């Protein structure tokens, strides 16, 4: 019996929804397809590593919910998940996705993460935002907000597609190439002196690198 290669209807629908939003605004959508399973699992790995403790998790830039689905499967009972998505159509889909999840308290916020109004601090922050699509000032504000929202001993995880700098150098304007370089410089400045890990996820289209940043302090118990 041959292996099934056609994606299930839900994934095809998510893919078309993602493509429609990318056509509307690629800068905030950041790609033309949702994260693949391998990338989603790599981004959610810090949550699985902290099981079975009931932790607070923030997902920013959730899109159609590719990573959210993995998080929902991995969240320990009693954990809390706040999902932040600025796109109103994606936010509506996410509310349908998380409705009635039995194991955890899940809330979808339609907002920009740097404007999220909360006093809560998080053990894990999972970022799906397309940082290389923003301005250096926006990236600086986003990373600053992530670090502000993390508990001591918390983990921030995010990704970037491989080869984006080379691809932009071939097709983008000089101003766009300069902006991309300045974004990378702003990100490096924010992360300087902090403990980070990086792994490459080849089983994604396109391949990506996933980073984890660990803040100093006691691990949550």
N, C-alpha and C. Protein backbone atom coordinates (compact mmCIF):
# COMPACT_ATOMS: atom_id res chain seq x y z
N UNK A 1 0.85 -1.19 0.00
CA UNK A 1 0.00 0.00 0.00
C UNK A 1 0.88 1.23 0.00
N UNK A 2 0.67 2.18 -0.93
CA UNK A 2 1.55 3.34 -1.02
C UNK A 2 1.26 4.31 0.10
N UNK A 3 2.27 5.08 0.47
CA UNK A 3 2.14 6.07 1.54
C UNK A 3 1.33 7.26 1.04
N UNK A 4 0.41 7.73 1.87
CA UNK A 4 -0.42 8.87 1.48
C UNK A 4 0.42 10.14 1.47
N UNK A 5 0.36 10.89 0.38
CA UNK A 5 1.14 12.12 0.27
C UNK A 5 0.26 13.36 0.24
N UNK A 6 -1.04 13.20 0.05
CA UNK A 6 -1.94 14.35 0.02
C UNK A 6 -2.19 14.84 1.44
N UNK A 7 -1.96 16.14 1.73
CA UNK A 7 -2.19 16.64 3.08
C UNK A 7 -3.65 16.58 3.44
N UNK A 8 -3.97 16.39 4.74
CA UNK A 8 -5.37 16.33 5.16
C UNK A 8 -6.07 17.65 4.88
N UNK A 9 -7.43 17.62 4.79
CA UNK A 9 -8.18 18.84 4.43
C UNK A 9 -7.88 20.02 5.33
N UNK A 10 -7.74 19.81 6.65
CA UNK A 10 -7.49 20.92 7.56
C UNK A 10 -6.18 21.62 7.23
N UNK A 11 -5.12 20.84 6.93
CA UNK A 11 -3.83 21.43 6.62
C UNK A 11 -3.88 22.15 5.28
N UNK A 12 -4.61 21.59 4.30
CA UNK A 12 -4.75 22.29 3.02
C UNK A 12 -5.47 23.61 3.22
N UNK A 13 -6.53 23.61 4.05
CA UNK A 13 -7.27 24.84 4.31
C UNK A 13 -6.39 25.87 5.00
N UNK A 14 -5.59 25.43 5.96
CA UNK A 14 -4.67 26.35 6.63
C UNK A 14 -3.68 26.94 5.65
N UNK A 15 -3.18 26.09 4.74
CA UNK A 15 -2.22 26.57 3.76
C UNK A 15 -2.79 27.65 2.86
N UNK A 16 -4.04 27.45 2.41
CA UNK A 16 -4.68 28.45 1.56
C UNK A 16 -4.95 29.73 2.34
N UNK A 17 -5.36 29.60 3.59
CA UNK A 17 -5.60 30.78 4.42
C UNK A 17 -4.31 31.57 4.62
N UNK A 18 -3.23 30.85 4.86
CA UNK A 18 -1.93 31.50 5.05
C UNK A 18 -1.50 32.23 3.78
N UNK A 19 -1.70 31.57 2.64
CA UNK A 19 -1.32 32.19 1.36
C UNK A 19 -2.13 33.45 1.10
N UNK A 20 -3.43 33.42 1.39
CA UNK A 20 -4.26 34.60 1.18
C UNK A 20 -3.77 35.77 2.03
N UNK A 21 -3.42 35.50 3.30
CA UNK A 21 -2.95 36.58 4.17
C UNK A 21 -1.56 37.06 3.76
N UNK A 22 -0.73 36.15 3.23
CA UNK A 22 0.59 36.56 2.75
C UNK A 22 0.46 37.51 1.56
N UNK A 23 -0.51 37.24 0.69
CA UNK A 23 -0.74 38.13 -0.45
C UNK A 23 -1.21 39.49 0.04
N UNK A 24 -2.06 39.50 1.09
CA UNK A 24 -2.53 40.77 1.65
C UNK A 24 -1.38 41.55 2.29
N UNK A 25 -0.52 40.86 3.06
CA UNK A 25 0.54 41.56 3.80
C UNK A 25 1.64 40.58 4.16
N UNK A 26 2.60 40.41 3.27
CA UNK A 26 3.69 39.48 3.52
C UNK A 26 4.57 39.94 4.67
N UNK A 27 4.63 41.25 4.91
CA UNK A 27 5.50 41.76 5.97
C UNK A 27 5.11 41.20 7.33
N UNK A 28 3.79 41.10 7.62
CA UNK A 28 3.36 40.59 8.91
C UNK A 28 3.07 39.10 8.90
N UNK A 29 2.73 38.55 7.74
CA UNK A 29 2.51 37.10 7.68
C UNK A 29 3.84 36.37 7.62
N UNK A 30 4.79 36.88 6.81
CA UNK A 30 6.16 36.42 6.88
C UNK A 30 6.52 35.23 6.04
N UNK A 31 5.52 34.50 5.52
CA UNK A 31 5.79 33.32 4.70
C UNK A 31 4.55 33.06 3.86
N UNK A 32 4.63 32.07 2.98
CA UNK A 32 3.46 31.72 2.17
C UNK A 32 2.87 30.38 2.60
N UNK A 33 3.38 29.79 3.69
CA UNK A 33 2.84 28.54 4.19
C UNK A 33 3.07 28.46 5.70
N UNK A 34 2.20 27.75 6.43
CA UNK A 34 2.40 27.59 7.87
C UNK A 34 3.65 26.76 8.16
N UNK A 35 4.11 26.82 9.41
CA UNK A 35 5.25 26.02 9.83
C UNK A 35 4.92 24.53 9.69
N UNK A 36 5.90 23.75 9.23
CA UNK A 36 5.72 22.31 9.15
C UNK A 36 5.80 21.66 10.51
N UNK A 37 5.47 20.36 10.56
CA UNK A 37 5.41 19.66 11.85
C UNK A 37 6.76 19.66 12.56
N UNK A 38 7.84 19.44 11.82
CA UNK A 38 9.15 19.37 12.46
C UNK A 38 9.53 20.71 13.07
N UNK A 39 9.26 21.80 12.36
CA UNK A 39 9.56 23.13 12.89
C UNK A 39 8.68 23.45 14.08
N UNK A 40 7.39 23.12 14.00
CA UNK A 40 6.48 23.37 15.12
C UNK A 40 6.93 22.61 16.37
N UNK A 41 7.36 21.38 16.20
CA UNK A 41 7.82 20.59 17.35
C UNK A 41 9.10 21.16 17.94
N UNK A 42 9.99 21.65 17.08
CA UNK A 42 11.23 22.25 17.59
C UNK A 42 10.94 23.52 18.38
N UNK A 43 9.99 24.33 17.91
CA UNK A 43 9.63 25.55 18.61
C UNK A 43 8.97 25.24 19.95
N UNK A 44 8.19 24.17 20.02
CA UNK A 44 7.46 23.82 21.24
C UNK A 44 8.29 22.99 22.21
N UNK A 45 9.51 22.61 21.83
CA UNK A 45 10.33 21.71 22.66
C UNK A 45 10.52 22.20 24.09
N UNK A 46 10.73 23.51 24.35
CA UNK A 46 10.91 23.94 25.74
C UNK A 46 9.69 23.67 26.63
N UNK A 47 8.50 23.61 26.05
CA UNK A 47 7.31 23.30 26.84
C UNK A 47 7.33 21.84 27.25
N UNK A 48 7.63 20.97 26.29
CA UNK A 48 7.72 19.54 26.60
C UNK A 48 8.80 19.28 27.65
N UNK A 49 9.91 20.03 27.58
CA UNK A 49 11.03 19.81 28.51
C UNK A 49 10.65 20.13 29.95
N UNK A 50 9.65 20.97 30.15
CA UNK A 50 9.26 21.37 31.50
C UNK A 50 8.11 20.55 32.07
N UNK A 51 7.56 19.64 31.30
CA UNK A 51 6.49 18.78 31.81
C UNK A 51 7.02 17.94 32.97
N UNK A 52 6.17 17.64 33.95
CA UNK A 52 4.72 17.87 34.01
C UNK A 52 4.32 19.12 34.79
N UNK A 53 5.24 20.08 34.99
CA UNK A 53 4.93 21.24 35.79
C UNK A 53 3.89 22.13 35.10
N UNK A 54 2.92 22.67 35.83
CA UNK A 54 1.92 23.58 35.24
C UNK A 54 2.54 24.94 35.00
N UNK A 55 2.88 25.24 33.78
CA UNK A 55 3.63 26.44 33.44
C UNK A 55 2.76 27.45 32.68
N UNK A 56 3.26 28.67 32.58
CA UNK A 56 2.63 29.71 31.79
C UNK A 56 3.39 29.86 30.47
N UNK A 57 2.66 29.80 29.36
CA UNK A 57 3.27 29.82 28.02
C UNK A 57 2.62 30.93 27.21
N UNK A 58 3.45 31.65 26.47
CA UNK A 58 2.98 32.67 25.53
C UNK A 58 3.41 32.28 24.13
N UNK A 59 2.46 32.27 23.19
CA UNK A 59 2.79 32.09 21.78
C UNK A 59 2.45 33.38 21.05
N UNK A 60 3.41 33.96 20.36
CA UNK A 60 3.20 35.22 19.63
C UNK A 60 3.31 34.97 18.13
N UNK A 61 2.38 35.54 17.36
CA UNK A 61 2.40 35.33 15.92
C UNK A 61 1.99 33.92 15.56
N UNK A 62 0.83 33.49 16.04
CA UNK A 62 0.43 32.08 15.92
C UNK A 62 -0.08 31.71 14.53
N UNK A 63 -0.46 32.69 13.71
CA UNK A 63 -0.92 32.38 12.36
C UNK A 63 -2.16 31.51 12.37
N UNK A 64 -2.14 30.43 11.59
CA UNK A 64 -3.29 29.53 11.51
C UNK A 64 -3.26 28.45 12.59
N UNK A 65 -2.22 28.43 13.43
CA UNK A 65 -2.21 27.52 14.57
C UNK A 65 -1.37 26.27 14.42
N UNK A 66 -0.41 26.26 13.50
CA UNK A 66 0.42 25.06 13.32
C UNK A 66 1.20 24.74 14.60
N UNK A 67 1.78 25.75 15.23
CA UNK A 67 2.51 25.54 16.48
C UNK A 67 1.54 25.41 17.64
N UNK A 68 0.44 26.14 17.59
CA UNK A 68 -0.56 26.08 18.66
C UNK A 68 -1.05 24.66 18.87
N UNK A 69 -1.29 23.94 17.79
CA UNK A 69 -1.77 22.55 17.90
C UNK A 69 -0.76 21.68 18.65
N UNK A 70 0.52 21.88 18.36
CA UNK A 70 1.56 21.11 19.05
C UNK A 70 1.60 21.51 20.53
N UNK A 71 1.50 22.79 20.81
CA UNK A 71 1.51 23.25 22.19
C UNK A 71 0.34 22.67 22.97
N UNK A 72 -0.83 22.63 22.37
CA UNK A 72 -2.00 22.10 23.06
C UNK A 72 -1.81 20.64 23.44
N UNK A 73 -1.12 19.89 22.59
CA UNK A 73 -0.87 18.47 22.89
C UNK A 73 0.18 18.31 24.00
N UNK A 74 1.08 19.28 24.14
CA UNK A 74 2.19 19.13 25.07
C UNK A 74 1.98 19.83 26.40
N UNK A 75 1.01 20.73 26.48
CA UNK A 75 0.81 21.47 27.72
C UNK A 75 0.43 20.55 28.87
N UNK A 76 1.11 20.66 30.01
CA UNK A 76 0.70 19.88 31.18
C UNK A 76 -0.66 20.34 31.70
N UNK A 77 -1.36 19.47 32.37
CA UNK A 77 -2.64 19.85 32.97
C UNK A 77 -2.40 20.98 33.96
N UNK A 78 -3.26 21.98 33.91
CA UNK A 78 -3.12 23.12 34.80
C UNK A 78 -2.26 24.24 34.24
N UNK A 79 -1.65 24.02 33.07
CA UNK A 79 -0.84 25.06 32.45
C UNK A 79 -1.74 26.13 31.84
N UNK A 80 -1.16 27.27 31.56
CA UNK A 80 -1.88 28.37 30.92
C UNK A 80 -1.16 28.73 29.62
N UNK A 81 -1.95 28.93 28.56
CA UNK A 81 -1.41 29.34 27.28
C UNK A 81 -2.11 30.61 26.81
N UNK A 82 -1.34 31.67 26.60
CA UNK A 82 -1.84 32.89 25.98
C UNK A 82 -1.34 32.93 24.54
N UNK A 83 -2.25 33.03 23.60
CA UNK A 83 -1.92 33.06 22.18
C UNK A 83 -2.17 34.47 21.66
N UNK A 84 -1.14 35.09 21.06
CA UNK A 84 -1.24 36.46 20.59
C UNK A 84 -1.13 36.46 19.06
N UNK A 85 -2.12 37.05 18.40
CA UNK A 85 -2.13 37.12 16.94
C UNK A 85 -2.78 38.44 16.52
N UNK A 86 -2.06 39.25 15.74
CA UNK A 86 -2.56 40.56 15.34
C UNK A 86 -3.59 40.48 14.21
N UNK A 87 -3.46 39.47 13.34
CA UNK A 87 -4.36 39.35 12.20
C UNK A 87 -5.75 38.91 12.68
N UNK A 88 -6.80 39.71 12.43
CA UNK A 88 -8.13 39.36 12.98
C UNK A 88 -8.69 38.06 12.41
N UNK A 89 -8.41 37.73 11.15
CA UNK A 89 -8.93 36.50 10.56
C UNK A 89 -8.23 35.29 11.17
N UNK A 90 -6.91 35.38 11.35
CA UNK A 90 -6.19 34.30 12.03
C UNK A 90 -6.67 34.16 13.48
N UNK A 91 -6.87 35.29 14.17
CA UNK A 91 -7.30 35.24 15.57
C UNK A 91 -8.64 34.52 15.70
N UNK A 92 -9.56 34.76 14.76
CA UNK A 92 -10.86 34.08 14.80
C UNK A 92 -10.69 32.58 14.63
N UNK A 93 -9.82 32.16 13.71
CA UNK A 93 -9.56 30.72 13.52
C UNK A 93 -8.93 30.11 14.76
N UNK A 94 -8.05 30.85 15.41
CA UNK A 94 -7.39 30.34 16.61
C UNK A 94 -8.39 30.16 17.75
N UNK A 95 -9.34 31.07 17.87
CA UNK A 95 -10.35 30.92 18.93
C UNK A 95 -11.17 29.65 18.72
N UNK A 96 -11.47 29.34 17.47
CA UNK A 96 -12.18 28.10 17.18
C UNK A 96 -11.31 26.89 17.53
N UNK A 97 -10.02 26.99 17.25
CA UNK A 97 -9.10 25.89 17.50
C UNK A 97 -8.99 25.56 18.99
N UNK A 98 -8.89 26.59 19.84
CA UNK A 98 -8.62 26.35 21.26
C UNK A 98 -9.89 26.20 22.09
N UNK A 99 -11.06 26.42 21.48
CA UNK A 99 -12.32 26.38 22.24
C UNK A 99 -12.50 25.03 22.93
N UNK A 100 -12.70 25.09 24.23
CA UNK A 100 -13.01 23.87 24.98
C UNK A 100 -11.84 22.94 25.21
N UNK A 101 -10.59 23.45 25.06
CA UNK A 101 -9.46 22.54 25.31
C UNK A 101 -9.47 22.12 26.78
N UNK A 102 -9.46 20.81 27.06
CA UNK A 102 -9.74 20.34 28.42
C UNK A 102 -8.58 20.45 29.39
N UNK A 103 -7.34 20.40 28.90
CA UNK A 103 -6.22 20.22 29.83
C UNK A 103 -5.68 21.52 30.39
N UNK A 104 -5.96 22.65 29.75
CA UNK A 104 -5.28 23.87 30.13
C UNK A 104 -6.20 25.07 29.95
N UNK A 105 -5.77 26.21 30.48
CA UNK A 105 -6.48 27.47 30.28
C UNK A 105 -5.83 28.19 29.10
N UNK A 106 -6.60 28.41 28.06
CA UNK A 106 -6.07 28.97 26.83
C UNK A 106 -6.88 30.21 26.46
N UNK A 107 -6.16 31.30 26.14
CA UNK A 107 -6.80 32.55 25.74
C UNK A 107 -6.13 33.07 24.48
N UNK A 108 -6.94 33.50 23.52
CA UNK A 108 -6.42 34.12 22.30
C UNK A 108 -6.59 35.63 22.40
N UNK A 109 -5.51 36.36 22.18
CA UNK A 109 -5.53 37.82 22.22
C UNK A 109 -5.26 38.35 20.81
N UNK A 110 -6.16 39.16 20.29
CA UNK A 110 -5.89 39.82 19.02
C UNK A 110 -5.15 41.12 19.32
N UNK A 111 -3.82 41.09 19.16
CA UNK A 111 -2.99 42.23 19.55
C UNK A 111 -1.60 42.04 18.99
N UNK A 112 -0.82 43.13 18.98
CA UNK A 112 0.61 43.04 18.74
C UNK A 112 1.27 42.70 20.07
N UNK A 113 2.24 41.81 20.06
CA UNK A 113 2.79 41.34 21.34
C UNK A 113 3.44 42.46 22.12
N UNK A 114 4.04 43.44 21.43
CA UNK A 114 4.67 44.54 22.16
C UNK A 114 3.65 45.46 22.81
N UNK A 115 2.36 45.29 22.43
CA UNK A 115 1.29 46.09 23.02
C UNK A 115 0.38 45.25 23.92
N UNK A 116 0.74 44.00 24.18
CA UNK A 116 -0.08 43.11 24.99
C UNK A 116 -0.18 43.64 26.41
N UNK A 117 -1.40 43.86 26.88
CA UNK A 117 -1.62 44.38 28.23
C UNK A 117 -1.77 43.21 29.19
N UNK A 118 -0.72 42.91 29.93
CA UNK A 118 -0.76 41.82 30.90
C UNK A 118 0.28 42.05 31.98
N UNK A 119 -0.03 41.59 33.18
CA UNK A 119 0.94 41.60 34.28
C UNK A 119 1.57 40.21 34.44
N UNK A 120 1.13 39.25 33.62
CA UNK A 120 1.62 37.88 33.74
C UNK A 120 3.04 37.77 33.21
N UNK A 121 3.81 36.85 33.79
CA UNK A 121 5.13 36.51 33.29
C UNK A 121 5.11 35.05 32.89
N UNK A 122 5.95 34.69 31.92
CA UNK A 122 5.84 33.38 31.28
C UNK A 122 7.12 32.56 31.46
N UNK A 123 6.91 31.25 31.59
CA UNK A 123 8.04 30.32 31.67
C UNK A 123 8.62 30.04 30.30
N UNK A 124 7.77 30.02 29.27
CA UNK A 124 8.21 29.79 27.89
C UNK A 124 7.47 30.77 26.98
N UNK A 125 8.22 31.42 26.09
CA UNK A 125 7.63 32.24 25.04
C UNK A 125 8.04 31.64 23.70
N UNK A 126 7.05 31.34 22.87
CA UNK A 126 7.27 30.79 21.54
C UNK A 126 6.92 31.87 20.52
N UNK A 127 7.90 32.29 19.73
CA UNK A 127 7.67 33.38 18.77
C UNK A 127 7.60 32.83 17.35
N UNK A 128 6.49 33.11 16.68
CA UNK A 128 6.36 32.79 15.27
C UNK A 128 6.40 34.03 14.41
N UNK A 129 6.82 35.15 14.96
CA UNK A 129 6.84 36.41 14.23
C UNK A 129 7.97 36.45 13.20
N UNK A 130 7.71 37.00 12.02
CA UNK A 130 8.75 37.09 10.98
C UNK A 130 9.68 38.27 11.23
N UNK A 131 10.62 38.12 12.16
CA UNK A 131 11.42 39.24 12.62
C UNK A 131 12.18 39.92 11.48
N UNK A 132 12.65 39.15 10.51
CA UNK A 132 13.42 39.76 9.43
C UNK A 132 12.55 40.57 8.47
N UNK A 133 11.23 40.54 8.66
CA UNK A 133 10.34 41.36 7.84
C UNK A 133 10.05 42.72 8.46
N UNK A 134 10.48 42.93 9.73
CA UNK A 134 10.17 44.16 10.43
C UNK A 134 11.32 45.16 10.30
N UNK A 135 11.10 46.34 10.85
CA UNK A 135 12.16 47.34 10.92
C UNK A 135 13.05 47.03 12.12
N UNK A 136 14.28 47.53 12.13
CA UNK A 136 15.14 47.31 13.30
C UNK A 136 14.50 47.81 14.60
N UNK A 137 13.82 48.95 14.55
CA UNK A 137 13.18 49.48 15.75
C UNK A 137 12.07 48.55 16.25
N UNK A 138 11.30 47.99 15.33
CA UNK A 138 10.24 47.05 15.71
C UNK A 138 10.83 45.80 16.35
N UNK A 139 11.90 45.27 15.74
CA UNK A 139 12.55 44.07 16.29
C UNK A 139 13.07 44.35 17.70
N UNK A 140 13.66 45.51 17.89
CA UNK A 140 14.18 45.87 19.21
C UNK A 140 13.05 45.92 20.24
N UNK A 141 11.91 46.49 19.87
CA UNK A 141 10.78 46.57 20.80
C UNK A 141 10.21 45.18 21.09
N UNK A 142 10.12 44.34 20.07
CA UNK A 142 9.56 43.00 20.26
C UNK A 142 10.43 42.17 21.19
N UNK A 143 11.74 42.15 20.93
CA UNK A 143 12.64 41.36 21.77
C UNK A 143 12.67 41.91 23.19
N UNK A 144 12.66 43.24 23.33
CA UNK A 144 12.63 43.84 24.66
C UNK A 144 11.38 43.41 25.42
N UNK A 145 10.25 43.37 24.72
CA UNK A 145 9.00 42.95 25.36
C UNK A 145 9.05 41.48 25.75
N UNK A 146 9.59 40.63 24.88
CA UNK A 146 9.76 39.22 25.23
C UNK A 146 10.56 39.08 26.52
N UNK A 147 11.68 39.75 26.60
CA UNK A 147 12.55 39.63 27.77
C UNK A 147 11.86 40.16 29.02
N UNK A 148 11.04 41.17 28.85
CA UNK A 148 10.28 41.72 29.97
C UNK A 148 9.23 40.72 30.45
N UNK A 149 8.66 39.95 29.54
CA UNK A 149 7.57 39.04 29.88
C UNK A 149 8.06 37.70 30.41
N UNK A 150 9.34 37.39 30.27
CA UNK A 150 9.87 36.10 30.72
C UNK A 150 10.12 36.07 32.23
N UNK A 151 9.75 34.94 32.85
CA UNK A 151 10.18 34.67 34.22
C UNK A 151 11.70 34.51 34.26
N UNK A 152 12.36 34.81 35.39
CA UNK A 152 13.75 34.37 35.56
C UNK A 152 13.85 32.86 35.38
N UNK A 153 14.81 32.43 34.58
CA UNK A 153 14.92 31.01 34.28
C UNK A 153 14.03 30.57 33.14
N UNK A 154 13.36 31.52 32.49
CA UNK A 154 12.48 31.19 31.39
C UNK A 154 13.20 31.02 30.07
N UNK A 155 12.46 30.57 29.06
CA UNK A 155 13.04 30.28 27.74
C UNK A 155 12.23 30.99 26.66
N UNK A 156 12.94 31.66 25.77
CA UNK A 156 12.35 32.24 24.56
C UNK A 156 12.83 31.43 23.37
N UNK A 157 11.91 31.04 22.50
CA UNK A 157 12.30 30.30 21.30
C UNK A 157 11.69 30.98 20.08
N UNK A 158 12.48 31.05 19.00
CA UNK A 158 12.03 31.68 17.75
C UNK A 158 12.78 31.05 16.59
N UNK A 159 12.42 31.43 15.36
CA UNK A 159 13.05 30.81 14.21
C UNK A 159 13.29 31.84 13.11
N UNK A 160 14.12 31.46 12.16
CA UNK A 160 14.32 32.23 10.92
C UNK A 160 14.62 31.23 9.82
N UNK A 161 14.12 31.52 8.63
CA UNK A 161 14.37 30.64 7.51
C UNK A 161 15.82 30.74 7.05
N UNK A 162 16.36 29.62 6.61
CA UNK A 162 17.72 29.60 6.08
C UNK A 162 17.77 30.30 4.72
N UNK A 163 18.84 31.03 4.48
CA UNK A 163 19.09 31.60 3.16
C UNK A 163 18.34 32.87 2.85
N UNK A 164 17.69 33.49 3.86
CA UNK A 164 16.91 34.69 3.55
C UNK A 164 17.81 35.86 3.13
N UNK A 165 18.97 35.97 3.78
CA UNK A 165 19.87 37.08 3.41
C UNK A 165 20.34 36.93 1.97
N UNK A 166 20.72 35.70 1.58
CA UNK A 166 21.20 35.48 0.21
C UNK A 166 20.07 35.72 -0.80
N UNK A 167 18.86 35.25 -0.46
CA UNK A 167 17.74 35.43 -1.38
C UNK A 167 17.41 36.91 -1.56
N UNK A 168 17.42 37.66 -0.47
CA UNK A 168 17.14 39.10 -0.58
C UNK A 168 18.22 39.80 -1.38
N UNK A 169 19.47 39.37 -1.21
CA UNK A 169 20.56 39.99 -1.95
C UNK A 169 20.39 39.83 -3.46
N UNK A 170 19.72 38.74 -3.87
CA UNK A 170 19.53 38.47 -5.30
C UNK A 170 18.36 39.24 -5.89
N UNK A 171 17.30 39.45 -5.10
CA UNK A 171 16.06 39.99 -5.69
C UNK A 171 15.61 41.31 -5.08
N UNK A 172 16.11 41.68 -3.90
CA UNK A 172 15.58 42.86 -3.22
C UNK A 172 16.35 44.11 -3.60
N UNK A 173 15.75 45.25 -3.25
CA UNK A 173 16.43 46.53 -3.47
C UNK A 173 17.56 46.68 -2.47
N UNK A 174 18.45 47.63 -2.75
CA UNK A 174 19.57 47.89 -1.85
C UNK A 174 19.05 48.32 -0.47
N UNK A 175 17.98 49.12 -0.45
CA UNK A 175 17.42 49.56 0.82
C UNK A 175 16.88 48.38 1.63
N UNK A 176 16.26 47.42 0.94
CA UNK A 176 15.72 46.25 1.63
C UNK A 176 16.83 45.37 2.18
N UNK A 177 17.90 45.20 1.42
CA UNK A 177 19.05 44.43 1.90
C UNK A 177 19.66 45.10 3.12
N UNK A 178 19.76 46.43 3.08
CA UNK A 178 20.31 47.17 4.23
C UNK A 178 19.41 47.01 5.45
N UNK A 179 18.08 47.08 5.25
CA UNK A 179 17.15 46.92 6.37
C UNK A 179 17.31 45.55 7.01
N UNK A 180 17.43 44.51 6.18
CA UNK A 180 17.60 43.15 6.69
C UNK A 180 18.87 43.05 7.53
N UNK A 181 19.96 43.63 7.05
CA UNK A 181 21.23 43.59 7.79
C UNK A 181 21.10 44.33 9.12
N UNK A 182 20.38 45.45 9.12
CA UNK A 182 20.21 46.21 10.35
C UNK A 182 19.33 45.48 11.34
N UNK A 183 18.35 44.73 10.85
CA UNK A 183 17.52 43.91 11.73
C UNK A 183 18.38 42.86 12.42
N UNK A 184 19.22 42.19 11.67
CA UNK A 184 20.10 41.17 12.26
C UNK A 184 21.04 41.81 13.28
N UNK A 185 21.50 43.02 13.00
CA UNK A 185 22.38 43.72 13.95
C UNK A 185 21.62 44.07 15.22
N UNK A 186 20.38 44.54 15.08
CA UNK A 186 19.57 44.88 16.26
C UNK A 186 19.29 43.65 17.10
N UNK A 187 19.01 42.54 16.44
CA UNK A 187 18.75 41.30 17.16
C UNK A 187 20.00 40.83 17.90
N UNK A 188 21.15 40.89 17.23
CA UNK A 188 22.40 40.48 17.86
C UNK A 188 22.72 41.35 19.07
N UNK A 189 22.43 42.64 18.97
CA UNK A 189 22.70 43.54 20.09
C UNK A 189 21.85 43.20 21.30
N UNK A 190 20.58 42.87 21.07
CA UNK A 190 19.70 42.50 22.17
C UNK A 190 20.10 41.18 22.83
N UNK A 191 20.70 40.28 22.05
CA UNK A 191 21.03 38.95 22.55
C UNK A 191 22.45 38.84 23.07
N UNK A 192 23.24 39.88 22.88
CA UNK A 192 24.66 39.83 23.25
C UNK A 192 24.81 39.52 24.75
N UNK A 193 25.66 38.55 25.05
CA UNK A 193 25.93 38.18 26.42
C UNK A 193 24.90 37.24 27.04
N UNK A 194 23.88 36.84 26.26
CA UNK A 194 22.87 35.94 26.78
C UNK A 194 23.11 34.51 26.29
N UNK A 195 22.61 33.55 27.04
CA UNK A 195 22.81 32.14 26.70
C UNK A 195 21.79 31.72 25.64
N UNK A 196 22.29 31.29 24.48
CA UNK A 196 21.40 30.85 23.41
C UNK A 196 21.86 29.50 22.86
N UNK A 197 20.90 28.76 22.32
CA UNK A 197 21.17 27.52 21.61
C UNK A 197 20.52 27.62 20.23
N UNK A 198 21.07 26.91 19.25
CA UNK A 198 20.53 26.95 17.90
C UNK A 198 20.55 25.56 17.28
N UNK A 199 19.49 25.21 16.59
CA UNK A 199 19.45 23.96 15.84
C UNK A 199 18.83 24.23 14.47
N UNK A 200 19.21 23.41 13.50
CA UNK A 200 18.70 23.54 12.14
C UNK A 200 17.62 22.49 11.90
N UNK A 201 16.50 22.94 11.35
CA UNK A 201 15.39 22.05 11.01
C UNK A 201 15.32 21.96 9.49
N UNK A 202 15.89 20.89 8.95
CA UNK A 202 15.90 20.71 7.50
C UNK A 202 14.56 20.20 6.97
N UNK A 203 13.79 19.51 7.83
CA UNK A 203 12.52 18.93 7.41
C UNK A 203 11.41 19.96 7.48
N UNK A 204 11.66 21.11 6.90
CA UNK A 204 10.66 22.17 6.79
C UNK A 204 10.84 22.83 5.44
N UNK A 205 9.79 23.43 4.92
CA UNK A 205 9.87 24.10 3.64
C UNK A 205 9.49 25.58 3.83
N UNK A 206 10.51 26.48 3.76
CA UNK A 206 11.93 26.20 3.59
C UNK A 206 12.57 25.77 4.92
N UNK A 207 13.79 25.20 4.86
CA UNK A 207 14.51 24.85 6.09
C UNK A 207 14.68 26.09 6.98
N UNK A 208 14.81 25.84 8.28
CA UNK A 208 14.85 26.95 9.23
C UNK A 208 15.85 26.66 10.34
N UNK A 209 16.26 27.72 11.01
CA UNK A 209 17.03 27.60 12.25
C UNK A 209 16.13 28.01 13.41
N UNK A 210 16.22 27.26 14.49
CA UNK A 210 15.44 27.53 15.70
C UNK A 210 16.40 27.89 16.82
N UNK A 211 16.16 29.03 17.45
CA UNK A 211 16.98 29.47 18.57
C UNK A 211 16.20 29.35 19.86
N UNK A 212 16.94 29.08 20.94
CA UNK A 212 16.40 29.16 22.30
C UNK A 212 17.29 30.09 23.11
N UNK A 213 16.66 31.03 23.80
CA UNK A 213 17.36 31.91 24.72
C UNK A 213 16.91 31.57 26.13
N UNK A 214 17.86 31.39 27.04
CA UNK A 214 17.56 31.04 28.42
C UNK A 214 17.95 32.20 29.32
N UNK A 215 16.98 32.71 30.07
CA UNK A 215 17.28 33.80 30.99
C UNK A 215 17.85 33.24 32.29
N UNK A 216 18.60 34.06 32.98
CA UNK A 216 19.20 33.64 34.24
C UNK A 216 18.16 33.63 35.34
N UNK A 217 18.33 32.69 36.26
CA UNK A 217 17.41 32.61 37.39
C UNK A 217 17.01 31.17 37.64
N UNK A 218 16.24 30.95 38.69
CA UNK A 218 15.83 29.57 39.03
C UNK A 218 14.83 29.03 38.04
N UNK A 219 14.90 27.76 37.75
CA UNK A 219 13.89 27.10 36.93
C UNK A 219 12.57 27.04 37.69
N UNK A 220 11.43 27.27 37.01
CA UNK A 220 10.14 27.17 37.70
C UNK A 220 9.91 25.76 38.22
N UNK A 221 9.23 25.65 39.36
CA UNK A 221 8.92 24.35 39.96
C UNK A 221 7.43 24.13 39.99
